[in-house]
Amino acid sequence: MTIIPAIDIFDGRCVRLREGSYAEKTEYTGDPADVARSFLDAGATRVHIVDLNAARGDAKTNRSVIRKIRGAAPCLLEIGGGVRTLDDIRELLDIGLDRLVVGTVFAKNPDTVAEWANEFGNVFIAGIDARDGTVRVSGWTDDSGVRASDLAQRAAEYGVCSVVYTNIAHDGVMKGPDVAGTNEIAEVSSVPVILSGGIGTLDDLRTAAATAHKDVVGVIVGRAIYEGTVTPKEAFAAFPQPDPKEMAW
């Protein structure tokens, strides 16, 4: 199981939201680039970035921070939040991001994602963020009316290399991951799936690794690291990480 530490950025700072709510935002000390470097020093080979400003339409505020993270962290970097236009894609790829998570566009206009994948190749991850089984979009503020399982079932058709599945009710609360829900997504998806949300302890990681569907290949860990209930060192000691070159997803 690949452990993917997360860096959520708002106004240039590391933060975590609770169940996707900007009103329930916790800010943490530390420069995001230094945090990324510390993850690599502990054993990470892949890091997940969320640009929370871009998710709400402000694509510029954190660009310089993202460039600094890229310079500090020679690993596989994926980013989500506000990847909605060709300009966004070109700018992020020019910075050196390896994977781009597409959520809102994938839910609303998956044919557009298929066109992007045809042009840019194996760089897109489908971000499927759901509450009560229905996909939320635009920074999780709007109900798309699309069922998560229906979207996952067609993921490969639209050229994405993997799916990040988040049960929003589990995000940022550290009460355990939704392994069952993630397994349901993996059952219908023909691309690898990454579990996101709910990890609170090392035992949560062990449980996820032991009970996840064979196509659940990674798990994103955020708040638990910042709150100190999971340390990167112990996580990567328990789960040695693959070489980024082996991660086609």
Protein backbone atom coordinates (compact mmCIF):
# COMPACT_ATOMS: atom_id res chain seq x y z
CA MET A 1 0.00 0.00 0.00
CA THR A 2 1.42 3.37 -1.01
CA ILE A 3 1.09 6.00 1.73
CA ILE A 4 0.58 9.44 0.21
CA PRO A 5 0.98 12.35 2.64
CA ALA A 6 -1.14 15.39 1.83
CA ILE A 7 -0.41 19.09 1.80
CA ASP A 8 -3.55 21.23 1.63
CA ILE A 9 -2.74 24.88 0.90
CA PHE A 10 -4.88 27.95 1.54
CA ASP A 11 -3.41 31.44 1.15
CA GLY A 12 0.06 29.90 0.99
CA ARG A 13 -0.25 28.04 4.30
CA CYS A 14 -0.73 24.41 5.31
CA VAL A 15 -4.30 23.83 6.47
CA ARG A 16 -6.83 21.04 6.90
CA LEU A 17 -10.57 21.28 6.46
CA ARG A 18 -13.16 19.28 8.35
CA GLU A 19 -15.54 17.43 6.02
CA GLY A 20 -14.58 19.85 3.26
CA SER A 21 -15.86 22.94 5.07
CA TYR A 22 -13.83 26.12 4.62
CA ALA A 23 -15.52 27.43 7.75
CA GLU A 24 -13.88 24.61 9.73
CA LYS A 25 -10.30 25.21 8.69
CA THR A 26 -7.29 24.44 10.91
CA GLU A 27 -4.01 26.17 10.08
CA TYR A 28 -0.68 24.47 10.79
CA THR A 29 2.78 25.93 11.13
CA GLY A 30 5.49 25.16 8.63
CA ASP A 31 6.32 26.27 5.12
CA PRO A 32 4.60 23.88 2.65
CA ALA A 33 7.87 23.25 0.80
CA ASP A 34 9.63 22.36 4.05
CA VAL A 35 6.75 20.05 4.95
CA ALA A 36 7.06 18.30 1.59
CA ARG A 37 10.80 17.89 2.08
CA SER A 38 10.22 16.40 5.54
CA PHE A 39 7.88 13.83 4.02
CA LEU A 40 10.58 12.73 1.59
CA ASP A 41 13.18 12.61 4.33
CA ALA A 42 10.87 10.24 6.24
CA GLY A 43 10.47 7.93 3.23
CA ALA A 44 7.67 9.27 1.04
CA THR A 45 7.94 8.79 -2.71
CA ARG A 46 4.65 10.48 -3.61
CA VAL A 47 2.93 13.60 -2.22
CA HIS A 48 -0.64 14.82 -2.71
CA ILE A 49 -1.23 18.58 -2.91
CA VAL A 50 -4.62 20.30 -2.71
CA ASP A 51 -4.87 23.94 -3.78
CA LEU A 52 -7.90 25.08 -1.80
CA ASN A 53 -7.85 28.58 -3.27
CA ALA A 54 -7.90 27.18 -6.80
CA ALA A 55 -10.76 24.86 -5.88
CA ARG A 56 -12.85 27.99 -5.30
CA GLY A 57 -11.71 29.74 -8.48
CA ASP A 58 -8.50 31.52 -7.43
CA ALA A 59 -5.81 29.73 -9.40
CA LYS A 60 -3.01 32.24 -8.84
CA THR A 61 -2.56 32.71 -5.08
CA ASN A 62 -0.65 29.47 -4.44
CA ARG A 63 1.26 29.02 -7.70
CA SER A 64 4.57 30.28 -6.28
CA VAL A 65 4.16 27.97 -3.27
CA ILE A 66 3.53 25.02 -5.57
CA ARG A 67 6.70 25.87 -7.50
CA LYS A 68 8.65 25.87 -4.24
CA ILE A 69 7.21 22.46 -3.31
CA ARG A 70 8.26 21.09 -6.69
CA GLY A 71 11.78 22.39 -6.16
CA ALA A 72 12.01 20.95 -2.65
CA ALA A 73 10.48 17.54 -3.32
CA PRO A 74 11.98 15.36 -6.08
CA CYS A 75 9.20 12.77 -5.96
CA LEU A 76 5.93 12.04 -7.75
CA LEU A 77 3.73 15.07 -7.10
CA GLU A 78 0.00 15.11 -7.71
CA ILE A 79 -2.25 18.12 -7.32
CA GLY A 80 -5.98 18.67 -7.09
CA GLY A 81 -8.15 21.73 -6.76
CA GLY A 82 -9.24 23.95 -9.62
CA VAL A 83 -7.81 21.97 -12.54
CA ARG A 84 -10.48 23.10 -14.99
CA THR A 85 -8.92 24.64 -18.11
CA LEU A 86 -6.20 23.99 -20.64
CA ASP A 87 -4.29 26.94 -19.20
CA ASP A 88 -4.42 25.32 -15.73
CA ILE A 89 -3.11 22.05 -17.15
CA ARG A 90 -0.29 23.64 -19.12
CA GLU A 91 0.81 25.81 -16.22
CA LEU A 92 0.84 22.94 -13.72
CA LEU A 93 2.66 20.60 -16.08
CA ASP A 94 5.15 23.37 -16.82
CA ILE A 95 5.80 23.69 -13.07
CA GLY A 96 6.58 19.98 -13.10
CA LEU A 97 3.55 18.33 -11.52
CA ASP A 98 3.29 14.64 -12.42
CA ARG A 99 -0.42 14.00 -11.90
CA LEU A 100 -3.42 16.32 -12.07
CA VAL A 101 -6.60 15.48 -10.17
CA VAL A 102 -9.73 16.48 -12.09
CA GLY A 103 -12.93 16.54 -10.09
CA THR A 104 -15.48 19.13 -11.17
CA VAL A 105 -14.74 18.83 -14.89
CA PHE A 106 -14.72 15.03 -14.69
CA ALA A 107 -18.15 14.99 -13.05
CA LYS A 108 -19.72 17.59 -15.33
CA ASN A 109 -17.90 17.14 -18.66
CA PRO A 110 -15.99 13.84 -18.74
CA ASP A 111 -15.62 14.06 -22.52
CA THR A 112 -13.42 17.11 -21.96
CA VAL A 113 -11.16 15.05 -19.71
CA ALA A 114 -10.96 12.39 -22.43
CA GLU A 115 -9.80 15.06 -24.89
CA TRP A 116 -7.19 16.28 -22.41
CA ALA A 117 -5.94 12.74 -21.81
CA ASN A 118 -5.60 12.24 -25.55
CA GLU A 119 -3.47 15.39 -25.77
CA PHE A 120 -1.42 15.20 -22.56
CA GLY A 121 -1.25 11.47 -21.86
CA ASN A 122 -1.24 9.51 -18.62
CA VAL A 123 -1.38 12.41 -16.15
CA PHE A 124 -5.01 12.69 -15.06
CA ILE A 125 -6.55 11.26 -11.90
CA ALA A 126 -10.31 11.32 -11.46
CA GLY A 127 -11.21 12.98 -8.18
CA ILE A 128 -14.48 11.46 -7.00
CA ASP A 129 -15.58 13.22 -3.82
CA ALA A 130 -18.92 12.03 -2.54
CA ARG A 131 -21.44 12.62 0.20
CA ASP A 132 -24.13 9.96 0.65
CA GLY A 133 -22.96 8.37 -2.59
CA THR A 134 -23.41 11.49 -4.73
CA VAL A 135 -20.47 13.41 -6.20
CA ARG A 136 -19.83 16.94 -4.93
CA VAL A 137 -18.09 19.54 -7.10
CA SER A 138 -16.71 23.11 -7.02
CA GLY A 139 -14.71 22.65 -3.85
CA TRP A 140 -17.34 20.22 -2.54
CA THR A 141 -19.92 23.03 -2.34
CA ASP A 142 -22.33 21.78 -5.03
CA ASP A 143 -24.21 18.54 -5.61
CA SER A 144 -23.50 17.24 -9.13
CA GLY A 145 -26.42 14.82 -9.14
CA VAL A 146 -24.04 12.09 -10.36
CA ARG A 147 -23.60 8.85 -8.44
CA ALA A 148 -20.00 8.12 -7.46
CA SER A 149 -20.23 4.51 -8.60
CA ASP A 150 -21.56 5.51 -12.03
CA LEU A 151 -18.67 7.92 -12.54
CA ALA A 152 -16.08 5.38 -11.36
CA GLN A 153 -17.47 2.74 -13.69
CA ARG A 154 -16.59 4.90 -16.69
CA ALA A 155 -13.21 6.19 -15.46
CA ALA A 156 -11.04 4.19 -17.87
CA GLU A 157 -13.27 5.18 -20.77
CA TYR A 158 -12.27 8.80 -20.26
CA GLY A 159 -8.53 8.18 -20.13
CA VAL A 160 -7.74 8.73 -16.45
CA CYS A 161 -4.95 6.67 -14.91
CA SER A 162 -6.55 6.26 -11.47
CA VAL A 163 -9.31 7.44 -9.13
CA VAL A 164 -8.98 9.25 -5.82
CA TYR A 165 -12.14 8.47 -3.85
CA THR A 166 -13.10 10.59 -0.85
CA ASN A 167 -16.12 10.02 1.35
CA ILE A 168 -16.51 13.62 2.50
CA ALA A 169 -18.11 12.60 5.79
CA HIS A 170 -14.82 10.90 6.71
CA ASP A 171 -12.52 13.70 5.55
CA GLY A 172 -10.55 15.54 8.22
CA VAL A 173 -12.23 13.85 11.19
CA MET A 174 -9.74 11.01 11.84
CA LYS A 175 -12.45 8.50 12.76
CA GLY A 176 -11.40 5.78 10.37
CA PRO A 177 -11.45 5.48 6.57
CA ASP A 178 -14.39 4.38 4.47
CA VAL A 179 -12.77 1.17 3.28
CA ALA A 180 -16.10 -0.45 2.38
CA GLY A 181 -17.16 2.49 0.22
CA THR A 182 -13.75 2.66 -1.43
CA ASN A 183 -13.92 -1.07 -2.15
CA GLU A 184 -17.27 -0.54 -3.86
CA ILE A 185 -15.66 2.05 -6.11
CA ALA A 186 -12.75 -0.31 -6.83
CA GLU A 187 -15.18 -3.10 -7.74
CA VAL A 188 -16.70 -1.08 -10.57
CA SER A 189 -13.65 0.92 -11.67
CA SER A 190 -11.20 -0.57 -14.14
CA VAL A 191 -8.37 1.73 -13.01
CA PRO A 192 -6.49 1.74 -9.67
CA VAL A 193 -8.14 3.53 -6.75
CA ILE A 194 -6.64 5.71 -4.01
CA LEU A 195 -8.46 5.94 -0.69
CA SER A 196 -8.74 9.38 0.90
CA GLY A 197 -10.21 10.57 4.19
CA GLY A 198 -10.53 9.32 7.74
CA ILE A 199 -7.08 7.99 8.62
CA GLY A 200 -6.42 8.76 12.27
CA THR A 201 -3.93 6.16 13.48
CA LEU A 202 -1.34 3.70 12.24
CA ASP A 203 -3.87 0.96 12.97
CA ASP A 204 -6.25 2.65 10.51
CA LEU A 205 -3.55 2.31 7.87
CA ARG A 206 -2.98 -1.34 8.75
CA THR A 207 -6.72 -2.05 8.62
CA ALA A 208 -7.04 -0.32 5.27
CA ALA A 209 -4.12 -2.28 3.85
CA ALA A 210 -5.50 -5.57 5.16
CA THR A 211 -9.12 -5.12 4.06
CA ALA A 212 -8.93 -3.01 0.91
CA HIS A 213 -9.79 -4.35 -2.53
CA LYS A 214 -6.75 -5.47 -4.52
CA ASP A 215 -7.14 -2.46 -6.82
CA VAL A 216 -6.95 0.04 -3.94
CA VAL A 217 -3.29 0.89 -4.36
CA GLY A 218 -2.77 3.90 -2.12
CA VAL A 219 -4.10 5.90 0.80
CA ILE A 220 -3.85 9.64 1.39
CA VAL A 221 -3.04 10.78 4.93
CA GLY A 222 -3.49 14.39 5.99
CA ARG A 223 -4.73 15.65 9.34
CA ALA A 224 -3.38 12.65 11.29
CA ILE A 225 0.16 13.66 10.32
CA TYR A 226 -0.33 17.29 11.29
CA GLU A 227 -2.01 16.36 14.58
CA GLY A 228 0.78 13.89 15.35
CA THR A 229 -1.37 10.76 15.66
CA VAL A 230 0.51 9.27 12.70
CA THR A 231 4.13 10.20 12.09
CA PRO A 232 5.57 9.88 8.59
CA LYS A 233 8.54 7.95 9.97
CA GLU A 234 6.38 5.21 11.53
CA ALA A 235 4.05 5.07 8.54
CA PHE A 236 6.85 4.56 6.04
CA ALA A 237 8.62 2.10 8.33
CA ALA A 238 5.44 0.02 8.38
CA PHE A 239 4.83 0.39 4.65
CA PRO A 240 8.00 0.64 2.53
CA GLN A 241 7.22 2.77 -0.49
CA PRO A 242 7.60 1.90 -4.17
CA ASP A 243 9.79 3.76 -6.61
CA PRO A 244 7.79 6.54 -8.34
CA LYS A 245 8.78 5.04 -11.69
CA GLU A 246 6.66 2.01 -10.80
CA MET A 247 3.53 4.13 -10.31
CA ALA A 248 1.72 4.28 -13.63
CA TRP A 249 -1.31 5.41 -11.66
